[in-house]
Amino acid sequence: MSYYRHHVFFCTNQREDGRECCANCGAGDARAYVKDRIKALGVSGKGGVRINNAGCLDRCSEGPVMVVYPDETWYTYVDREDLDEIIEQHLIKGQPVERLKLE
């Protein structure tokens, strides 16, 4: 069993050459929002959910992106409603959100 039930990585990479990047899509704010929500819901930490920054996950053209381990589920999102759906359905109930998944 993993130390965390779900370990979530948000790409927050900032590209300096002008190419698309998750940082330009508000990924840092999204990560902070999800981290705060997970703490407020009381599901953070050992045996629960961990939210982390990641450098480039090399999928910025599909972004912003995040990945949930150990499920290896990749997501994109647009707004807080999408993030809330991922939190509620996947991180709490264990059911991936099909409409937001990346293949």
N, C-alpha and C. Protein backbone atom coordinates (compact mmCIF):
# COMPACT_ATOMS: atom_id res chain seq x y z
N MET A 1 0.84 -1.18 0.00
CA MET A 1 0.00 0.00 0.00
C MET A 1 0.89 1.24 0.00
N SER A 2 0.43 2.26 -0.73
CA SER A 2 1.16 3.51 -0.81
C SER A 2 1.06 4.28 0.51
N TYR A 3 2.01 5.14 0.75
CA TYR A 3 1.97 5.99 1.94
C TYR A 3 0.76 6.90 1.87
N TYR A 4 0.47 7.40 0.66
CA TYR A 4 -0.72 8.20 0.43
C TYR A 4 -1.70 7.38 -0.41
N ARG A 5 -2.97 7.54 -0.15
CA ARG A 5 -3.98 6.88 -0.97
C ARG A 5 -3.95 7.47 -2.38
N HIS A 6 -3.81 8.80 -2.46
CA HIS A 6 -3.66 9.49 -3.74
C HIS A 6 -2.57 10.54 -3.60
N HIS A 7 -1.66 10.53 -4.56
CA HIS A 7 -0.59 11.52 -4.61
C HIS A 7 -0.79 12.29 -5.91
N VAL A 8 -1.07 13.58 -5.81
CA VAL A 8 -1.44 14.39 -6.96
C VAL A 8 -0.33 15.37 -7.29
N PHE A 9 0.05 15.39 -8.56
CA PHE A 9 1.08 16.30 -9.04
C PHE A 9 0.48 17.26 -10.05
N PHE A 10 0.62 18.55 -9.79
CA PHE A 10 0.19 19.61 -10.70
C PHE A 10 1.41 20.11 -11.45
N CYS A 11 1.34 20.09 -12.78
CA CYS A 11 2.39 20.76 -13.55
C CYS A 11 2.22 22.25 -13.33
N THR A 12 3.25 22.88 -12.83
CA THR A 12 3.26 24.33 -12.63
C THR A 12 4.43 24.95 -13.39
N ASN A 13 4.88 24.24 -14.41
CA ASN A 13 6.04 24.67 -15.18
C ASN A 13 5.79 25.99 -15.90
N GLN A 14 6.81 26.86 -15.86
CA GLN A 14 6.78 28.13 -16.60
C GLN A 14 7.85 28.06 -17.67
N ARG A 15 7.44 28.06 -18.92
CA ARG A 15 8.40 28.05 -20.04
C ARG A 15 8.77 29.49 -20.38
N GLU A 16 10.03 29.71 -20.54
CA GLU A 16 10.53 31.06 -20.81
C GLU A 16 10.55 31.38 -22.30
N ASP A 17 10.33 30.39 -23.16
CA ASP A 17 10.46 30.61 -24.61
C ASP A 17 9.14 30.93 -25.30
N GLY A 18 8.07 31.13 -24.54
CA GLY A 18 6.80 31.51 -25.12
C GLY A 18 5.88 30.37 -25.52
N ARG A 19 6.38 29.13 -25.45
CA ARG A 19 5.50 27.99 -25.76
C ARG A 19 4.45 27.82 -24.67
N GLU A 20 3.38 27.10 -25.03
CA GLU A 20 2.33 26.84 -24.05
C GLU A 20 2.91 26.22 -22.80
N CYS A 21 2.35 26.60 -21.65
CA CYS A 21 2.78 25.99 -20.39
C CYS A 21 1.65 26.08 -19.38
N CYS A 22 1.66 25.17 -18.45
CA CYS A 22 0.60 25.09 -17.45
C CYS A 22 0.57 26.32 -16.54
N ALA A 23 1.72 26.89 -16.26
CA ALA A 23 1.75 28.08 -15.40
C ALA A 23 0.94 29.22 -15.99
N ASN A 24 0.93 29.35 -17.31
CA ASN A 24 0.17 30.41 -17.97
C ASN A 24 -1.33 30.14 -17.94
N CYS A 25 -1.73 28.95 -17.51
CA CYS A 25 -3.14 28.58 -17.44
C CYS A 25 -3.65 28.57 -15.99
N GLY A 26 -2.90 29.19 -15.09
CA GLY A 26 -3.34 29.28 -13.70
C GLY A 26 -3.10 28.04 -12.86
N ALA A 27 -2.14 27.21 -13.26
CA ALA A 27 -1.89 25.95 -12.55
C ALA A 27 -1.47 26.16 -11.10
N GLY A 28 -0.70 27.19 -10.81
CA GLY A 28 -0.28 27.44 -9.43
C GLY A 28 -1.47 27.75 -8.53
N ASP A 29 -2.38 28.57 -9.01
CA ASP A 29 -3.58 28.87 -8.24
C ASP A 29 -4.46 27.64 -8.08
N ALA A 30 -4.56 26.83 -9.13
CA ALA A 30 -5.36 25.60 -9.06
C ALA A 30 -4.80 24.65 -8.02
N ARG A 31 -3.48 24.50 -8.02
CA ARG A 31 -2.84 23.62 -7.05
C ARG A 31 -3.10 24.11 -5.63
N ALA A 32 -2.94 25.41 -5.41
CA ALA A 32 -3.18 25.97 -4.08
C ALA A 32 -4.63 25.76 -3.65
N TYR A 33 -5.56 25.93 -4.56
CA TYR A 33 -6.97 25.73 -4.25
C TYR A 33 -7.24 24.28 -3.83
N VAL A 34 -6.73 23.32 -4.61
CA VAL A 34 -6.96 21.91 -4.30
C VAL A 34 -6.28 21.55 -2.98
N LYS A 35 -5.08 22.02 -2.76
CA LYS A 35 -4.38 21.73 -1.49
C LYS A 35 -5.19 22.25 -0.30
N ASP A 36 -5.70 23.47 -0.40
CA ASP A 36 -6.51 24.03 0.68
C ASP A 36 -7.80 23.24 0.89
N ARG A 37 -8.45 22.84 -0.20
CA ARG A 37 -9.70 22.07 -0.10
C ARG A 37 -9.46 20.71 0.55
N ILE A 38 -8.38 20.05 0.17
CA ILE A 38 -8.06 18.73 0.73
C ILE A 38 -7.81 18.85 2.23
N LYS A 39 -7.10 19.89 2.64
CA LYS A 39 -6.88 20.12 4.07
C LYS A 39 -8.19 20.42 4.79
N ALA A 40 -9.02 21.27 4.19
CA ALA A 40 -10.30 21.65 4.81
C ALA A 40 -11.24 20.44 4.95
N LEU A 41 -11.14 19.52 4.01
CA LEU A 41 -11.98 18.32 4.07
C LEU A 41 -11.42 17.26 5.02
N GLY A 42 -10.21 17.48 5.53
CA GLY A 42 -9.61 16.56 6.50
C GLY A 42 -9.09 15.27 5.90
N VAL A 43 -8.72 15.31 4.61
CA VAL A 43 -8.25 14.08 3.97
C VAL A 43 -6.79 14.17 3.51
N SER A 44 -6.05 15.14 4.04
CA SER A 44 -4.65 15.27 3.66
C SER A 44 -3.77 14.44 4.58
N GLY A 45 -2.58 14.13 4.09
CA GLY A 45 -1.58 13.44 4.91
C GLY A 45 -1.55 11.95 4.74
N LYS A 46 -0.80 11.29 5.60
CA LYS A 46 -0.59 9.84 5.54
C LYS A 46 -1.92 9.11 5.45
N GLY A 47 -1.99 8.20 4.48
CA GLY A 47 -3.20 7.42 4.27
C GLY A 47 -4.28 8.18 3.52
N GLY A 48 -4.02 9.45 3.22
CA GLY A 48 -4.99 10.29 2.53
C GLY A 48 -4.45 10.81 1.21
N VAL A 49 -4.53 12.10 1.05
CA VAL A 49 -4.18 12.74 -0.22
C VAL A 49 -3.03 13.73 0.00
N ARG A 50 -2.10 13.72 -0.92
CA ARG A 50 -0.97 14.67 -0.92
C ARG A 50 -1.01 15.43 -2.23
N ILE A 51 -0.89 16.75 -2.17
CA ILE A 51 -0.89 17.61 -3.35
C ILE A 51 0.50 18.22 -3.49
N ASN A 52 1.11 18.05 -4.68
CA ASN A 52 2.46 18.56 -4.93
C ASN A 52 2.56 19.32 -6.23
N ASN A 53 3.55 20.23 -6.28
CA ASN A 53 3.96 20.85 -7.53
C ASN A 53 4.79 19.84 -8.30
N ALA A 54 4.79 19.99 -9.60
CA ALA A 54 5.71 19.22 -10.44
C ALA A 54 6.32 20.18 -11.43
N GLY A 55 7.51 19.87 -11.85
CA GLY A 55 8.07 20.60 -12.98
C GLY A 55 7.32 20.17 -14.22
N CYS A 56 7.92 20.35 -15.35
CA CYS A 56 7.24 20.02 -16.60
C CYS A 56 6.90 18.53 -16.66
N LEU A 57 5.63 18.24 -16.91
CA LEU A 57 5.18 16.87 -17.11
C LEU A 57 5.09 16.53 -18.59
N ASP A 58 5.54 17.46 -19.44
CA ASP A 58 5.66 17.29 -20.89
C ASP A 58 4.32 17.07 -21.59
N ARG A 59 3.24 17.65 -21.01
CA ARG A 59 1.93 17.58 -21.65
C ARG A 59 1.25 18.95 -21.64
N CYS A 60 2.05 20.00 -21.64
CA CYS A 60 1.51 21.36 -21.54
C CYS A 60 0.54 21.69 -22.66
N SER A 61 0.73 21.10 -23.84
CA SER A 61 -0.18 21.40 -24.95
C SER A 61 -1.59 20.88 -24.68
N GLU A 62 -1.73 19.99 -23.70
CA GLU A 62 -3.04 19.46 -23.32
C GLU A 62 -3.53 20.09 -22.02
N GLY A 63 -2.81 21.07 -21.53
CA GLY A 63 -2.97 21.57 -20.20
C GLY A 63 -3.99 22.65 -20.00
N PRO A 64 -4.05 23.02 -18.75
CA PRO A 64 -3.17 22.61 -17.66
C PRO A 64 -3.42 21.15 -17.30
N VAL A 65 -2.38 20.51 -16.76
CA VAL A 65 -2.49 19.09 -16.45
C VAL A 65 -2.10 18.80 -15.01
N MET A 66 -2.68 17.69 -14.54
CA MET A 66 -2.34 17.12 -13.24
C MET A 66 -2.41 15.61 -13.40
N VAL A 67 -1.71 14.89 -12.53
CA VAL A 67 -1.75 13.43 -12.57
C VAL A 67 -1.94 12.91 -11.16
N VAL A 68 -2.76 11.87 -11.03
CA VAL A 68 -3.07 11.26 -9.74
C VAL A 68 -2.43 9.87 -9.70
N TYR A 69 -1.58 9.66 -8.72
CA TYR A 69 -0.96 8.35 -8.48
C TYR A 69 -1.50 7.78 -7.18
N PRO A 70 -1.56 6.47 -6.99
CA PRO A 70 -0.98 5.45 -7.86
C PRO A 70 -1.86 5.08 -9.05
N ASP A 71 -2.96 5.77 -9.27
CA ASP A 71 -3.90 5.41 -10.33
C ASP A 71 -3.41 5.72 -11.73
N GLU A 72 -2.36 6.55 -11.84
CA GLU A 72 -1.82 6.96 -13.14
C GLU A 72 -2.91 7.59 -13.99
N THR A 73 -3.73 8.44 -13.37
CA THR A 73 -4.82 9.11 -14.08
C THR A 73 -4.43 10.55 -14.34
N TRP A 74 -4.41 10.92 -15.61
CA TRP A 74 -4.05 12.27 -16.04
C TRP A 74 -5.31 13.06 -16.30
N TYR A 75 -5.32 14.31 -15.84
CA TYR A 75 -6.46 15.20 -16.02
C TYR A 75 -6.03 16.53 -16.61
N THR A 76 -6.99 17.16 -17.26
CA THR A 76 -6.94 18.57 -17.55
C THR A 76 -8.15 19.19 -16.86
N TYR A 77 -8.14 20.48 -16.70
CA TYR A 77 -9.22 21.16 -15.99
C TYR A 77 -9.31 22.59 -16.50
N VAL A 78 -10.47 23.19 -16.30
CA VAL A 78 -10.69 24.56 -16.75
C VAL A 78 -10.90 25.51 -15.58
N ASP A 79 -11.66 25.06 -14.59
CA ASP A 79 -12.07 25.97 -13.51
C ASP A 79 -12.21 25.20 -12.19
N ARG A 80 -12.62 25.93 -11.17
CA ARG A 80 -12.76 25.31 -9.84
C ARG A 80 -13.84 24.24 -9.81
N GLU A 81 -14.85 24.37 -10.64
CA GLU A 81 -15.88 23.34 -10.70
C GLU A 81 -15.28 22.00 -11.16
N ASP A 82 -14.39 22.06 -12.15
CA ASP A 82 -13.69 20.84 -12.59
C ASP A 82 -12.84 20.28 -11.45
N LEU A 83 -12.12 21.15 -10.77
CA LEU A 83 -11.26 20.71 -9.66
C LEU A 83 -12.10 20.11 -8.53
N ASP A 84 -13.22 20.75 -8.22
CA ASP A 84 -14.10 20.20 -7.18
C ASP A 84 -14.63 18.83 -7.56
N GLU A 85 -14.92 18.64 -8.83
CA GLU A 85 -15.41 17.33 -9.29
C GLU A 85 -14.32 16.27 -9.14
N ILE A 86 -13.09 16.61 -9.47
CA ILE A 86 -11.97 15.66 -9.30
C ILE A 86 -11.78 15.35 -7.82
N ILE A 87 -11.84 16.36 -6.97
CA ILE A 87 -11.69 16.14 -5.53
C ILE A 87 -12.76 15.19 -5.03
N GLU A 88 -14.01 15.53 -5.30
CA GLU A 88 -15.13 14.75 -4.77
C GLU A 88 -15.20 13.34 -5.35
N GLN A 89 -15.13 13.25 -6.66
CA GLN A 89 -15.32 11.95 -7.30
C GLN A 89 -14.09 11.05 -7.22
N HIS A 90 -12.91 11.59 -7.53
CA HIS A 90 -11.73 10.73 -7.59
C HIS A 90 -10.98 10.66 -6.26
N LEU A 91 -10.63 11.82 -5.72
CA LEU A 91 -9.78 11.81 -4.54
C LEU A 91 -10.51 11.35 -3.28
N ILE A 92 -11.80 11.56 -3.22
CA ILE A 92 -12.56 11.12 -2.04
C ILE A 92 -13.27 9.80 -2.30
N LYS A 93 -13.99 9.70 -3.42
CA LYS A 93 -14.79 8.50 -3.70
C LYS A 93 -14.07 7.43 -4.51
N GLY A 94 -12.90 7.78 -5.07
CA GLY A 94 -12.12 6.79 -5.82
C GLY A 94 -12.61 6.52 -7.23
N GLN A 95 -13.45 7.37 -7.78
CA GLN A 95 -13.99 7.19 -9.12
C GLN A 95 -13.43 8.25 -10.06
N PRO A 96 -12.61 7.86 -11.03
CA PRO A 96 -12.06 8.85 -11.97
C PRO A 96 -13.16 9.62 -12.69
N VAL A 97 -12.86 10.86 -13.04
CA VAL A 97 -13.78 11.73 -13.76
C VAL A 97 -13.47 11.59 -15.25
N GLU A 98 -14.24 10.77 -15.92
CA GLU A 98 -13.96 10.42 -17.31
C GLU A 98 -13.89 11.63 -18.23
N ARG A 99 -14.77 12.60 -18.05
CA ARG A 99 -14.83 13.73 -18.97
C ARG A 99 -13.60 14.62 -18.92
N LEU A 100 -12.82 14.55 -17.84
CA LEU A 100 -11.64 15.38 -17.68
C LEU A 100 -10.33 14.62 -17.90
N LYS A 101 -10.42 13.32 -18.12
CA LYS A 101 -9.22 12.50 -18.27
C LYS A 101 -8.52 12.76 -19.60
N LEU A 102 -7.20 12.69 -19.54
CA LEU A 102 -6.36 12.70 -20.73
C LEU A 102 -5.92 11.27 -21.01
N GLU A 103 -5.83 10.94 -22.25
CA GLU A 103 -5.35 9.59 -22.64
C GLU A 103 -3.88 9.61 -22.92
